[in-house]
Amino acid sequence: MTIGYSRDVTKTAADLDREAFPHLGKRPSPQQPSEFGEEFDALVYQTFCTPMGKQLLYFMEKNMLLKAIWNPNQNEKLAYFYEGRNNLVRLFKERMEVFSEGK
């Protein structure tokens, strides 16, 4: 008699992530509209395609996106705040790339 549960041990963590989060790692095509509209994409592109905009996007990626969102000594509510901030940076990068590919 087996107690507990059985699981497929041949799957890697990356396989499990792909199954649980199928949208991760997939870039939207230029034909896929933004949920905010094409005007938003154009605004993001115009803002971040300038030298200062590129510098700002690099700064946000380096200082926000590539850092841990939480550590055990912090209040867990901060993790939600930091993840929301990171989502904005990801959104800007994604929409800028999609808009530039669609041009």
C-alpha atoms as a PDB file:
ATOM      1  CA  MET A   1       0.000   0.000   0.000  1.00  0.00           C
ATOM      2  CA  THR A   2       1.361   3.410  -0.955  1.00  0.00           C
ATOM      3  CA  ILE A   3       0.739   6.286   1.377  1.00  0.00           C
ATOM      4  CA  GLY A   4       0.887   9.845   0.114  1.00  0.00           C
ATOM      5  CA  TYR A   5       0.966  10.826  -3.489  1.00  0.00           C
ATOM      6  CA  SER A   6       2.991   9.967  -6.517  1.00  0.00           C
ATOM      7  CA  ARG A   7       4.515  12.539  -8.786  1.00  0.00           C
ATOM      8  CA  ASP A   8       6.470  12.441 -11.987  1.00  0.00           C
ATOM      9  CA  VAL A   9      10.080  12.825 -10.885  1.00  0.00           C
ATOM     10  CA  THR A  10      11.335  13.045 -14.475  1.00  0.00           C
ATOM     11  CA  LYS A  11      10.068  16.607 -14.831  1.00  0.00           C
ATOM     12  CA  THR A  12      12.423  19.453 -14.103  1.00  0.00           C
ATOM     13  CA  ALA A  13      11.484  22.648 -12.297  1.00  0.00           C
ATOM     14  CA  ALA A  14      11.461  24.447 -15.665  1.00  0.00           C
ATOM     15  CA  ASP A  15       8.963  21.885 -17.032  1.00  0.00           C
ATOM     16  CA  LEU A  16       6.711  22.417 -14.035  1.00  0.00           C
ATOM     17  CA  ASP A  17       6.956  26.202 -14.412  1.00  0.00           C
ATOM     18  CA  ARG A  18       6.001  25.979 -18.095  1.00  0.00           C
ATOM     19  CA  GLU A  19       2.954  23.884 -17.229  1.00  0.00           C
ATOM     20  CA  ALA A  20       1.846  26.122 -14.367  1.00  0.00           C
ATOM     21  CA  PHE A  21       2.600  29.402 -16.143  1.00  0.00           C
ATOM     22  CA  PRO A  22       2.313  28.825 -19.904  1.00  0.00           C
ATOM     23  CA  HIS A  23       2.457  32.546 -20.720  1.00  0.00           C
ATOM     24  CA  LEU A  24       5.892  33.076 -19.118  1.00  0.00           C
ATOM     25  CA  GLY A  25       8.783  33.482 -21.507  1.00  0.00           C
ATOM     26  CA  LYS A  26       6.513  34.045 -24.491  1.00  0.00           C
ATOM     27  CA  ARG A  27       6.774  37.451 -26.085  1.00  0.00           C
ATOM     28  CA  PRO A  28       3.629  38.832 -27.626  1.00  0.00           C
ATOM     29  CA  SER A  29       3.704  39.336 -31.343  1.00  0.00           C
ATOM     30  CA  PRO A  30       3.551  42.862 -32.799  1.00  0.00           C
ATOM     31  CA  GLN A  31       0.054  42.035 -34.018  1.00  0.00           C
ATOM     32  CA  GLN A  32      -1.135  41.365 -30.470  1.00  0.00           C
ATOM     33  CA  PRO A  33      -2.620  44.610 -29.180  1.00  0.00           C
ATOM     34  CA  SER A  34      -1.746  45.988 -25.794  1.00  0.00           C
ATOM     35  CA  GLU A  35      -4.480  45.886 -23.209  1.00  0.00           C
ATOM     36  CA  PHE A  36      -3.989  49.662 -22.959  1.00  0.00           C
ATOM     37  CA  GLY A  37      -4.114  50.283 -26.702  1.00  0.00           C
ATOM     38  CA  GLU A  38      -1.721  51.232 -29.456  1.00  0.00           C
ATOM     39  CA  GLU A  39      -1.503  54.801 -28.167  1.00  0.00           C
ATOM     40  CA  PHE A  40       0.039  53.481 -24.934  1.00  0.00           C
ATOM     41  CA  ASP A  41       2.575  51.421 -26.901  1.00  0.00           C
ATOM     42  CA  ALA A  42       3.530  54.466 -28.957  1.00  0.00           C
ATOM     43  CA  LEU A  43       3.875  56.598 -25.831  1.00  0.00           C
ATOM     44  CA  VAL A  44       6.093  53.999 -24.136  1.00  0.00           C
ATOM     45  CA  TYR A  45       8.220  53.717 -27.271  1.00  0.00           C
ATOM     46  CA  GLN A  46       8.577  57.493 -27.667  1.00  0.00           C
ATOM     47  CA  THR A  47       9.535  57.831 -24.007  1.00  0.00           C
ATOM     48  CA  PHE A  48      12.099  55.042 -23.837  1.00  0.00           C
ATOM     49  CA  CYS A  49      13.660  55.230 -27.314  1.00  0.00           C
ATOM     50  CA  THR A  50      15.501  58.449 -26.461  1.00  0.00           C
ATOM     51  CA  PRO A  51      18.995  58.277 -24.926  1.00  0.00           C
ATOM     52  CA  MET A  52      17.661  59.437 -21.552  1.00  0.00           C
ATOM     53  CA  GLY A  53      14.727  57.028 -21.788  1.00  0.00           C
ATOM     54  CA  LYS A  54      17.063  54.120 -22.507  1.00  0.00           C
ATOM     55  CA  GLN A  55      19.178  55.152 -19.539  1.00  0.00           C
ATOM     56  CA  LEU A  56      16.087  55.305 -17.313  1.00  0.00           C
ATOM     57  CA  LEU A  57      14.863  51.893 -18.480  1.00  0.00           C
ATOM     58  CA  TYR A  58      18.328  50.417 -17.866  1.00  0.00           C
ATOM     59  CA  PHE A  59      18.384  51.985 -14.385  1.00  0.00           C
ATOM     60  CA  MET A  60      14.930  50.606 -13.545  1.00  0.00           C
ATOM     61  CA  GLU A  61      15.878  47.149 -14.782  1.00  0.00           C
ATOM     62  CA  LYS A  62      19.175  47.109 -12.892  1.00  0.00           C
ATOM     63  CA  ASN A  63      17.883  48.589  -9.629  1.00  0.00           C
ATOM     64  CA  MET A  64      14.378  47.164  -9.513  1.00  0.00           C
ATOM     65  CA  LEU A  65      13.834  44.189 -11.784  1.00  0.00           C
ATOM     66  CA  LEU A  66      17.057  42.320 -11.064  1.00  0.00           C
ATOM     67  CA  LYS A  67      16.797  42.564  -7.280  1.00  0.00           C
ATOM     68  CA  ALA A  68      14.962  40.243  -4.927  1.00  0.00           C
ATOM     69  CA  ILE A  69      11.465  41.418  -4.137  1.00  0.00           C
ATOM     70  CA  TRP A  70      11.481  40.146  -0.577  1.00  0.00           C
ATOM     71  CA  ASN A  71      13.729  38.864   2.150  1.00  0.00           C
ATOM     72  CA  PRO A  72      12.796  37.145   5.416  1.00  0.00           C
ATOM     73  CA  ASN A  73      13.473  40.265   7.516  1.00  0.00           C
ATOM     74  CA  GLN A  74      10.839  42.347   5.718  1.00  0.00           C
ATOM     75  CA  ASN A  75       7.103  42.579   5.979  1.00  0.00           C
ATOM     76  CA  GLU A  76       5.597  40.293   3.333  1.00  0.00           C
ATOM     77  CA  LYS A  77       3.369  43.109   2.077  1.00  0.00           C
ATOM     78  CA  LEU A  78       6.452  44.781   0.630  1.00  0.00           C
ATOM     79  CA  ALA A  79       6.811  41.848  -1.762  1.00  0.00           C
ATOM     80  CA  TYR A  80       3.470  42.740  -3.369  1.00  0.00           C
ATOM     81  CA  PHE A  81       4.564  46.350  -3.780  1.00  0.00           C
ATOM     82  CA  TYR A  82       7.911  45.402  -5.306  1.00  0.00           C
ATOM     83  CA  GLU A  83       6.345  42.837  -7.625  1.00  0.00           C
ATOM     84  CA  GLY A  84       3.865  45.446  -8.866  1.00  0.00           C
ATOM     85  CA  ARG A  85       6.730  47.830  -9.541  1.00  0.00           C
ATOM     86  CA  ASN A  86       8.598  45.105 -11.391  1.00  0.00           C
ATOM     87  CA  ASN A  87       5.517  44.369 -13.484  1.00  0.00           C
ATOM     88  CA  LEU A  88       5.523  47.976 -14.664  1.00  0.00           C
ATOM     89  CA  VAL A  89       9.161  47.712 -15.743  1.00  0.00           C
ATOM     90  CA  ARG A  90       8.420  44.444 -17.564  1.00  0.00           C
ATOM     91  CA  LEU A  91       5.405  46.025 -19.243  1.00  0.00           C
ATOM     92  CA  PHE A  92       7.451  48.998 -20.467  1.00  0.00           C
ATOM     93  CA  LYS A  93      10.156  46.728 -21.871  1.00  0.00           C
ATOM     94  CA  GLU A  94       7.659  44.393 -23.535  1.00  0.00           C
ATOM     95  CA  ARG A  95       5.542  47.098 -25.136  1.00  0.00           C
ATOM     96  CA  MET A  96       8.603  48.989 -26.352  1.00  0.00           C
ATOM     97  CA  GLU A  97       9.965  45.853 -28.041  1.00  0.00           C
ATOM     98  CA  VAL A  98       6.601  44.952 -29.564  1.00  0.00           C
ATOM     99  CA  PHE A  99       6.030  48.481 -30.871  1.00  0.00           C
ATOM    100  CA  SER A 100       9.522  48.691 -32.372  1.00  0.00           C
ATOM    101  CA  GLU A 101       9.075  45.309 -34.103  1.00  0.00           C
ATOM    102  CA  GLY A 102       5.722  46.382 -35.517  1.00  0.00           C
ATOM    103  CA  LYS A 103       7.061  49.606 -37.017  1.00  0.00           C
END
